[in-house]
Amino acid sequence: MSVTKVQKILFLQGCMLVCAACGKEETDAPLPYVNVNVPFNINMPPYNIYLDLWPSAMKMPWERIGYNGNGLFLVRQAETHFQAYDATCTRNIAHHIVALTLEKFEYIAHCPHPGCGAQYNLLHGGYETGGQFRLQEYRVTYNPATKQGSITN
């Protein structure tokens, strides 16, 4: 029995699909939906301190925003390019719901939960080092003329 050209092509396509599925180690965060609608102004404190230069990142100063009220991270990638992430650790959401910490002028968010130790790179898509889930990302709109923006779902 000989292998036809069509069978070879189908076999190769199947292999490519399997390889593509295996390569995707990290997925979107498993957090439930929470409504987010937060304005910001780069001319006002604390934004003008933490986000004056780029790249830069800060934890939003308000209480009770994001999942479980853990807060949001606002990241300035370039002059007019911003990203926002939920500040909830996504490593083991079924067992602990922990707000991540961010030291001043750092780009790596840390989970303070004992035994977790997850770290998320805010400059590279909110992915966890060696983890399965990335941080929940929110939509950011920004007007460079007014230096005002908003973070929404």
N, C-alpha and C. Protein backbone atom coordinates (compact mmCIF):
# COMPACT_ATOMS: atom_id res chain seq x y z
N MET A 1 0.83 -1.17 0.00
CA MET A 1 0.00 0.00 0.00
C MET A 1 0.88 1.24 0.00
N SER A 2 0.70 2.10 -0.97
CA SER A 2 1.51 3.30 -1.08
C SER A 2 0.79 4.50 -0.45
N VAL A 3 1.59 5.45 0.02
CA VAL A 3 1.06 6.66 0.64
C VAL A 3 0.90 7.71 -0.45
N THR A 4 -0.30 8.23 -0.57
CA THR A 4 -0.55 9.23 -1.60
C THR A 4 -0.10 10.60 -1.13
N LYS A 5 0.00 11.51 -2.08
CA LYS A 5 0.41 12.88 -1.79
C LYS A 5 -0.61 13.56 -0.86
N VAL A 6 -1.89 13.30 -1.04
CA VAL A 6 -2.94 13.88 -0.20
C VAL A 6 -2.79 13.39 1.24
N GLN A 7 -2.48 12.11 1.42
CA GLN A 7 -2.30 11.56 2.77
C GLN A 7 -1.10 12.20 3.46
N LYS A 8 -0.02 12.43 2.72
CA LYS A 8 1.15 13.08 3.29
C LYS A 8 0.82 14.50 3.75
N ILE A 9 0.09 15.22 2.91
CA ILE A 9 -0.28 16.61 3.24
C ILE A 9 -1.18 16.63 4.48
N LEU A 10 -2.17 15.73 4.52
CA LEU A 10 -3.05 15.66 5.69
C LEU A 10 -2.28 15.31 6.95
N PHE A 11 -1.33 14.40 6.85
CA PHE A 11 -0.51 14.02 7.99
C PHE A 11 0.32 15.21 8.48
N LEU A 12 0.95 15.94 7.56
CA LEU A 12 1.76 17.10 7.93
C LEU A 12 0.90 18.20 8.57
N GLN A 13 -0.29 18.43 8.04
CA GLN A 13 -1.18 19.42 8.62
C GLN A 13 -1.59 19.03 10.04
N GLY A 14 -1.85 17.76 10.25
CA GLY A 14 -2.19 17.28 11.59
C GLY A 14 -1.04 17.49 12.57
N CYS A 15 0.18 17.21 12.11
CA CYS A 15 1.36 17.43 12.96
C CYS A 15 1.52 18.90 13.31
N MET A 16 1.27 19.77 12.33
CA MET A 16 1.40 21.21 12.57
C MET A 16 0.38 21.68 13.60
N LEU A 17 -0.85 21.16 13.54
CA LEU A 17 -1.87 21.54 14.51
C LEU A 17 -1.49 21.09 15.92
N VAL A 18 -0.96 19.88 16.05
CA VAL A 18 -0.54 19.37 17.35
C VAL A 18 0.60 20.22 17.90
N CYS A 19 1.57 20.55 17.06
CA CYS A 19 2.71 21.37 17.50
C CYS A 19 2.25 22.77 17.91
N ALA A 20 1.34 23.34 17.17
CA ALA A 20 0.84 24.68 17.50
C ALA A 20 0.11 24.66 18.84
N ALA A 21 -0.64 23.63 19.11
CA ALA A 21 -1.37 23.52 20.39
C ALA A 21 -0.40 23.32 21.54
N CYS A 22 0.68 22.58 21.33
CA CYS A 22 1.65 22.35 22.40
C CYS A 22 2.46 23.60 22.71
N GLY A 23 2.69 24.44 21.74
CA GLY A 23 3.50 25.64 21.94
C GLY A 23 2.83 26.70 22.77
N LYS A 24 1.53 26.67 22.89
CA LYS A 24 0.82 27.70 23.66
C LYS A 24 0.72 27.26 25.11
N GLU A 25 1.74 27.65 25.90
CA GLU A 25 1.79 27.24 27.29
C GLU A 25 0.98 28.17 28.18
N GLU A 26 0.95 29.45 27.85
CA GLU A 26 0.29 30.41 28.71
C GLU A 26 -1.00 30.89 28.04
N THR A 27 -2.04 31.03 28.84
CA THR A 27 -3.33 31.45 28.33
C THR A 27 -3.82 32.65 29.11
N ASP A 28 -4.96 33.19 28.69
CA ASP A 28 -5.53 34.32 29.39
C ASP A 28 -5.90 33.94 30.81
N ALA A 29 -5.98 34.94 31.65
CA ALA A 29 -6.27 34.74 33.06
C ALA A 29 -7.63 34.10 33.27
N PRO A 30 -7.75 33.26 34.30
CA PRO A 30 -9.01 32.59 34.60
C PRO A 30 -9.90 33.40 35.55
N LEU A 31 -9.75 34.71 35.56
CA LEU A 31 -10.53 35.54 36.49
C LEU A 31 -11.95 35.75 35.99
N PRO A 32 -12.91 35.77 36.90
CA PRO A 32 -14.28 36.11 36.51
C PRO A 32 -14.35 37.57 36.06
N TYR A 33 -15.38 37.88 35.29
CA TYR A 33 -15.57 39.24 34.77
C TYR A 33 -15.87 40.21 35.92
N VAL A 34 -15.20 41.35 35.91
CA VAL A 34 -15.54 42.46 36.80
C VAL A 34 -15.56 43.72 35.93
N ASN A 35 -16.50 44.59 36.21
CA ASN A 35 -16.61 45.83 35.45
C ASN A 35 -15.46 46.77 35.82
N VAL A 36 -14.76 47.27 34.82
CA VAL A 36 -13.66 48.20 35.04
C VAL A 36 -13.88 49.41 34.15
N ASN A 37 -13.86 50.59 34.77
CA ASN A 37 -13.98 51.86 34.04
C ASN A 37 -13.26 52.91 34.87
N VAL A 38 -11.97 53.10 34.60
CA VAL A 38 -11.12 53.95 35.43
C VAL A 38 -10.45 55.02 34.57
N PRO A 39 -10.69 56.30 34.86
CA PRO A 39 -10.00 57.37 34.13
C PRO A 39 -8.61 57.63 34.73
N PHE A 40 -7.72 58.20 33.92
CA PHE A 40 -6.42 58.63 34.43
C PHE A 40 -5.95 59.85 33.64
N ASN A 41 -5.08 60.65 34.27
CA ASN A 41 -4.54 61.86 33.67
C ASN A 41 -3.05 61.90 33.96
N ILE A 42 -2.23 61.84 32.91
CA ILE A 42 -0.78 61.78 33.06
C ILE A 42 -0.21 63.08 33.64
N ASN A 43 -0.96 64.17 33.59
CA ASN A 43 -0.49 65.44 34.15
C ASN A 43 -0.64 65.50 35.67
N MET A 44 -1.42 64.59 36.26
CA MET A 44 -1.75 64.65 37.69
C MET A 44 -0.97 63.58 38.48
N PRO A 45 -0.69 63.90 39.77
CA PRO A 45 -0.08 62.87 40.62
C PRO A 45 -1.05 61.72 40.85
N PRO A 46 -0.60 60.53 41.02
CA PRO A 46 0.78 60.06 41.01
C PRO A 46 1.29 59.69 39.62
N TYR A 47 0.43 59.83 38.60
CA TYR A 47 0.81 59.41 37.24
C TYR A 47 2.01 60.18 36.71
N ASN A 48 2.06 61.50 36.99
CA ASN A 48 3.17 62.30 36.46
C ASN A 48 4.50 61.93 37.13
N ILE A 49 4.46 61.23 38.24
CA ILE A 49 5.68 60.77 38.90
C ILE A 49 6.11 59.41 38.35
N TYR A 50 5.18 58.45 38.32
CA TYR A 50 5.53 57.09 37.94
C TYR A 50 5.54 56.85 36.44
N LEU A 51 4.74 57.59 35.70
CA LEU A 51 4.59 57.30 34.27
C LEU A 51 5.12 58.41 33.38
N ASP A 52 5.94 59.30 33.92
CA ASP A 52 6.47 60.42 33.15
C ASP A 52 7.38 59.93 32.02
N LEU A 53 8.18 58.95 32.31
CA LEU A 53 9.07 58.36 31.31
C LEU A 53 8.57 56.98 30.93
N TRP A 54 9.12 56.40 29.90
CA TRP A 54 8.72 55.07 29.49
C TRP A 54 9.94 54.25 29.13
N PRO A 55 9.92 52.96 29.26
CA PRO A 55 8.81 52.19 29.83
C PRO A 55 8.73 52.40 31.33
N SER A 56 7.52 52.32 31.85
CA SER A 56 7.29 52.48 33.27
C SER A 56 5.99 51.79 33.66
N ALA A 57 5.82 51.53 34.96
CA ALA A 57 4.63 50.84 35.44
C ALA A 57 4.30 51.32 36.85
N MET A 58 3.02 51.27 37.18
CA MET A 58 2.60 51.62 38.54
C MET A 58 1.34 50.84 38.90
N LYS A 59 1.13 50.67 40.19
CA LYS A 59 -0.12 50.10 40.66
C LYS A 59 -1.07 51.26 40.91
N MET A 60 -2.29 51.15 40.37
CA MET A 60 -3.27 52.22 40.50
C MET A 60 -3.55 52.48 41.98
N PRO A 61 -3.70 53.73 42.37
CA PRO A 61 -3.81 54.08 43.79
C PRO A 61 -5.18 53.85 44.42
N TRP A 62 -6.20 53.51 43.65
CA TRP A 62 -7.53 53.38 44.22
C TRP A 62 -7.78 52.02 44.82
N GLU A 63 -8.59 52.01 45.84
CA GLU A 63 -9.04 50.76 46.47
C GLU A 63 -10.23 50.22 45.68
N ARG A 64 -10.44 48.95 45.78
CA ARG A 64 -11.64 48.29 45.26
C ARG A 64 -11.83 48.38 43.75
N ILE A 65 -10.76 48.30 42.99
CA ILE A 65 -10.90 48.18 41.54
C ILE A 65 -10.25 46.86 41.12
N GLY A 66 -10.68 46.32 40.01
CA GLY A 66 -10.16 45.04 39.55
C GLY A 66 -10.82 43.90 40.29
N TYR A 67 -10.38 42.68 39.99
CA TYR A 67 -10.96 41.50 40.61
C TYR A 67 -10.69 41.49 42.11
N ASN A 68 -11.71 41.25 42.90
CA ASN A 68 -11.63 41.18 44.36
C ASN A 68 -11.07 42.46 44.98
N GLY A 69 -11.11 43.58 44.24
CA GLY A 69 -10.59 44.83 44.74
C GLY A 69 -9.08 44.86 44.87
N ASN A 70 -8.37 43.97 44.14
CA ASN A 70 -6.91 43.87 44.26
C ASN A 70 -6.15 44.95 43.51
N GLY A 71 -6.84 45.75 42.70
CA GLY A 71 -6.17 46.85 42.02
C GLY A 71 -5.82 46.54 40.57
N LEU A 72 -5.23 47.53 39.92
CA LEU A 72 -4.80 47.43 38.53
C LEU A 72 -3.38 47.95 38.39
N PHE A 73 -2.67 47.42 37.41
CA PHE A 73 -1.37 47.96 37.02
C PHE A 73 -1.56 48.73 35.73
N LEU A 74 -1.00 49.93 35.66
CA LEU A 74 -0.99 50.71 34.44
C LEU A 74 0.46 50.76 33.96
N VAL A 75 0.68 50.38 32.71
CA VAL A 75 2.02 50.26 32.15
C VAL A 75 2.13 51.19 30.95
N ARG A 76 3.17 52.00 30.94
CA ARG A 76 3.44 52.88 29.79
C ARG A 76 4.59 52.27 29.00
N GLN A 77 4.25 51.75 27.82
CA GLN A 77 5.26 51.11 26.96
C GLN A 77 6.02 52.13 26.10
N ALA A 78 5.32 53.16 25.67
CA ALA A 78 5.90 54.20 24.83
C ALA A 78 5.12 55.49 25.09
N GLU A 79 5.44 56.54 24.38
CA GLU A 79 4.82 57.84 24.65
C GLU A 79 3.29 57.78 24.64
N THR A 80 2.73 57.05 23.68
CA THR A 80 1.26 56.99 23.58
C THR A 80 0.70 55.58 23.69
N HIS A 81 1.51 54.62 24.11
CA HIS A 81 1.07 53.22 24.20
C HIS A 81 1.03 52.77 25.66
N PHE A 82 -0.18 52.49 26.14
CA PHE A 82 -0.40 52.04 27.51
C PHE A 82 -1.05 50.66 27.52
N GLN A 83 -0.80 49.91 28.60
CA GLN A 83 -1.47 48.64 28.84
C GLN A 83 -1.91 48.62 30.30
N ALA A 84 -2.96 47.85 30.61
CA ALA A 84 -3.43 47.74 31.99
C ALA A 84 -3.73 46.27 32.29
N TYR A 85 -3.40 45.86 33.51
CA TYR A 85 -3.58 44.49 33.94
C TYR A 85 -4.22 44.46 35.32
N ASP A 86 -5.01 43.43 35.57
CA ASP A 86 -5.54 43.20 36.91
C ASP A 86 -4.37 42.81 37.80
N ALA A 87 -4.38 43.26 39.04
CA ALA A 87 -3.29 42.98 39.98
C ALA A 87 -3.55 41.74 40.82
N THR A 88 -4.29 40.78 40.29
CA THR A 88 -4.59 39.54 41.00
C THR A 88 -3.71 38.42 40.46
N CYS A 89 -3.05 37.70 41.36
CA CYS A 89 -2.22 36.56 40.97
C CYS A 89 -3.12 35.50 40.32
N THR A 90 -2.72 35.01 39.17
CA THR A 90 -3.52 34.02 38.44
C THR A 90 -2.95 32.61 38.55
N ARG A 91 -1.91 32.42 39.33
CA ARG A 91 -1.29 31.09 39.40
C ARG A 91 -2.22 30.04 39.99
N ASN A 92 -2.83 30.34 41.12
CA ASN A 92 -3.65 29.32 41.78
C ASN A 92 -4.92 29.98 42.31
N ILE A 93 -5.70 30.51 41.42
CA ILE A 93 -6.88 31.32 41.78
C ILE A 93 -7.91 30.52 42.59
N ALA A 94 -7.91 29.20 42.45
CA ALA A 94 -8.87 28.38 43.19
C ALA A 94 -8.53 28.30 44.68
N HIS A 95 -7.24 28.49 45.03
CA HIS A 95 -6.82 28.32 46.42
C HIS A 95 -6.48 29.63 47.13
N HIS A 96 -6.06 30.62 46.39
CA HIS A 96 -5.78 31.90 47.02
C HIS A 96 -6.01 33.04 46.04
N ILE A 97 -6.60 34.11 46.54
CA ILE A 97 -6.83 35.31 45.74
C ILE A 97 -5.98 36.40 46.36
N VAL A 98 -4.86 36.69 45.74
CA VAL A 98 -3.87 37.57 46.33
C VAL A 98 -3.58 38.75 45.40
N ALA A 99 -3.49 39.94 46.00
CA ALA A 99 -3.08 41.13 45.26
C ALA A 99 -1.57 41.09 45.07
N LEU A 100 -1.14 41.30 43.84
CA LEU A 100 0.28 41.34 43.54
C LEU A 100 0.90 42.64 44.03
N THR A 101 2.19 42.61 44.27
CA THR A 101 2.92 43.81 44.68
C THR A 101 3.85 44.25 43.56
N LEU A 102 4.16 45.53 43.56
CA LEU A 102 5.07 46.09 42.57
C LEU A 102 5.92 47.13 43.28
N GLU A 103 7.22 46.92 43.30
CA GLU A 103 8.11 47.90 43.92
C GLU A 103 8.23 49.12 43.01
N LYS A 104 8.55 50.25 43.60
CA LYS A 104 8.70 51.48 42.82
C LYS A 104 9.69 51.28 41.69
N PHE A 105 9.32 51.73 40.52
CA PHE A 105 10.16 51.74 39.32
C PHE A 105 10.62 50.34 38.91
N GLU A 106 9.79 49.33 39.19
CA GLU A 106 10.04 47.98 38.71
C GLU A 106 9.01 47.61 37.66
N TYR A 107 9.26 46.53 36.94
CA TYR A 107 8.35 46.06 35.91
C TYR A 107 7.88 44.63 36.16
N ILE A 108 8.32 44.06 37.27
CA ILE A 108 7.96 42.69 37.60
C ILE A 108 7.03 42.72 38.82
N ALA A 109 5.80 42.20 38.66
CA ALA A 109 4.86 42.12 39.77
C ALA A 109 5.09 40.79 40.49
N HIS A 110 5.04 40.82 41.82
CA HIS A 110 5.34 39.64 42.64
C HIS A 110 4.12 39.22 43.45
N CYS A 111 3.95 37.91 43.60
CA CYS A 111 2.88 37.39 44.47
C CYS A 111 3.46 37.19 45.87
N PRO A 112 2.88 37.84 46.88
CA PRO A 112 3.39 37.71 48.24
C PRO A 112 2.87 36.48 48.99
N HIS A 113 2.00 35.68 48.37
CA HIS A 113 1.44 34.51 49.05
C HIS A 113 2.53 33.48 49.34
N PRO A 114 2.60 33.00 50.60
CA PRO A 114 3.62 31.98 50.94
C PRO A 114 3.49 30.75 50.03
N GLY A 115 4.60 30.34 49.48
CA GLY A 115 4.62 29.15 48.64
C GLY A 115 4.28 29.39 47.19
N CYS A 116 3.86 30.59 46.82
CA CYS A 116 3.51 30.86 45.42
C CYS A 116 4.74 31.40 44.67
N GLY A 117 5.12 32.61 44.98
CA GLY A 117 6.31 33.19 44.36
C GLY A 117 6.18 33.54 42.90
N ALA A 118 4.96 33.61 42.37
CA ALA A 118 4.79 33.94 40.95
C ALA A 118 5.31 35.35 40.66
N GLN A 119 5.86 35.52 39.47
CA GLN A 119 6.33 36.83 39.02
C GLN A 119 5.79 37.07 37.61
N TYR A 120 5.29 38.28 37.37
CA TYR A 120 4.68 38.62 36.09
C TYR A 120 5.40 39.80 35.49
N ASN A 121 5.82 39.66 34.24
CA ASN A 121 6.53 40.72 33.55
C ASN A 121 5.51 41.67 32.91
N LEU A 122 5.41 42.88 33.44
CA LEU A 122 4.42 43.84 32.95
C LEU A 122 4.81 44.47 31.61
N LEU A 123 6.07 44.41 31.24
CA LEU A 123 6.49 44.98 29.96
C LEU A 123 6.34 44.00 28.81
N HIS A 124 6.10 42.76 29.11
CA HIS A 124 6.00 41.74 28.07
C HIS A 124 4.69 40.97 28.16
N GLY A 125 3.59 41.68 28.22
CA GLY A 125 2.27 41.06 28.12
C GLY A 125 1.70 40.51 29.41
N GLY A 126 2.31 40.77 30.55
CA GLY A 126 1.78 40.27 31.81
C GLY A 126 1.92 38.78 31.99
N TYR A 127 2.92 38.18 31.34
CA TYR A 127 3.11 36.74 31.43
C TYR A 127 3.88 36.37 32.69
N GLU A 128 3.49 35.23 33.25
CA GLU A 128 4.17 34.72 34.44
C GLU A 128 5.40 33.94 34.02
N THR A 129 6.49 34.14 34.74
CA THR A 129 7.71 33.40 34.49
C THR A 129 7.46 31.93 34.82
N GLY A 130 7.49 31.08 33.82
CA GLY A 130 7.29 29.65 34.02
C GLY A 130 5.87 29.26 34.38
N GLY A 131 4.92 30.15 34.16
CA GLY A 131 3.55 29.89 34.58
C GLY A 131 2.62 29.49 33.47
N GLN A 132 1.38 29.33 33.85
CA GLN A 132 0.36 28.88 32.90
C GLN A 132 -0.50 30.03 32.41
N PHE A 133 -0.78 31.01 33.27
CA PHE A 133 -1.70 32.08 32.92
C PHE A 133 -1.02 33.44 32.93
N ARG A 134 -1.46 34.28 32.03
CA ARG A 134 -1.00 35.67 32.06
C ARG A 134 -2.00 36.48 32.88
N LEU A 135 -1.64 37.69 33.21
CA LEU A 135 -2.55 38.56 33.95
C LEU A 135 -3.72 38.97 33.07
N GLN A 136 -4.85 39.24 33.70
CA GLN A 136 -6.04 39.73 32.98
C GLN A 136 -5.72 41.12 32.43
N GLU A 137 -5.84 41.28 31.13
CA GLU A 137 -5.55 42.58 30.51
C GLU A 137 -6.85 43.33 30.25
N TYR A 138 -6.79 44.66 30.41
CA TYR A 138 -7.93 45.52 30.13
C TYR A 138 -7.57 46.48 29.00
N ARG A 139 -8.59 47.02 28.37
CA ARG A 139 -8.43 47.95 27.24
C ARG A 139 -8.06 49.34 27.79
N VAL A 140 -7.08 49.98 27.13
CA VAL A 140 -6.68 51.33 27.51
C VAL A 140 -6.83 52.25 26.30
N THR A 141 -7.53 53.36 26.50
CA THR A 141 -7.58 54.42 25.49
C THR A 141 -6.85 55.62 26.05
N TYR A 142 -6.13 56.33 25.17
CA TYR A 142 -5.32 57.47 25.63
C TYR A 142 -5.33 58.55 24.57
N ASN A 143 -5.53 59.79 25.00
CA ASN A 143 -5.50 60.95 24.12
C ASN A 143 -4.24 61.74 24.42
N PRO A 144 -3.23 61.71 23.53
CA PRO A 144 -1.97 62.41 23.81
C PRO A 144 -2.13 63.93 23.89
N ALA A 145 -3.14 64.48 23.23
CA ALA A 145 -3.34 65.94 23.27
C ALA A 145 -3.74 66.41 24.67
N THR A 146 -4.60 65.64 25.33
CA THR A 146 -5.06 66.02 26.68
C THR A 146 -4.32 65.28 27.78
N LYS A 147 -3.56 64.25 27.39
CA LYS A 147 -2.83 63.39 28.33
C LYS A 147 -3.79 62.69 29.30
N GLN A 148 -4.99 62.41 28.83
CA GLN A 148 -5.98 61.71 29.63
C GLN A 148 -6.33 60.39 28.94
N GLY A 149 -6.72 59.42 29.76
CA GLY A 149 -7.08 58.12 29.22
C GLY A 149 -8.05 57.42 30.14
N SER A 150 -8.42 56.20 29.73
CA SER A 150 -9.31 55.40 30.56
C SER A 150 -8.98 53.93 30.37
N ILE A 151 -9.28 53.17 31.41
CA ILE A 151 -9.10 51.73 31.42
C ILE A 151 -10.49 51.11 31.53
N THR A 152 -10.84 50.24 30.57
CA THR A 152 -12.17 49.63 30.55
C THR A 152 -12.05 48.16 30.14
N ASN A 153 -13.20 47.46 30.24
CA ASN A 153 -13.26 46.09 29.76
C ASN A 153 -13.37 46.11 28.25
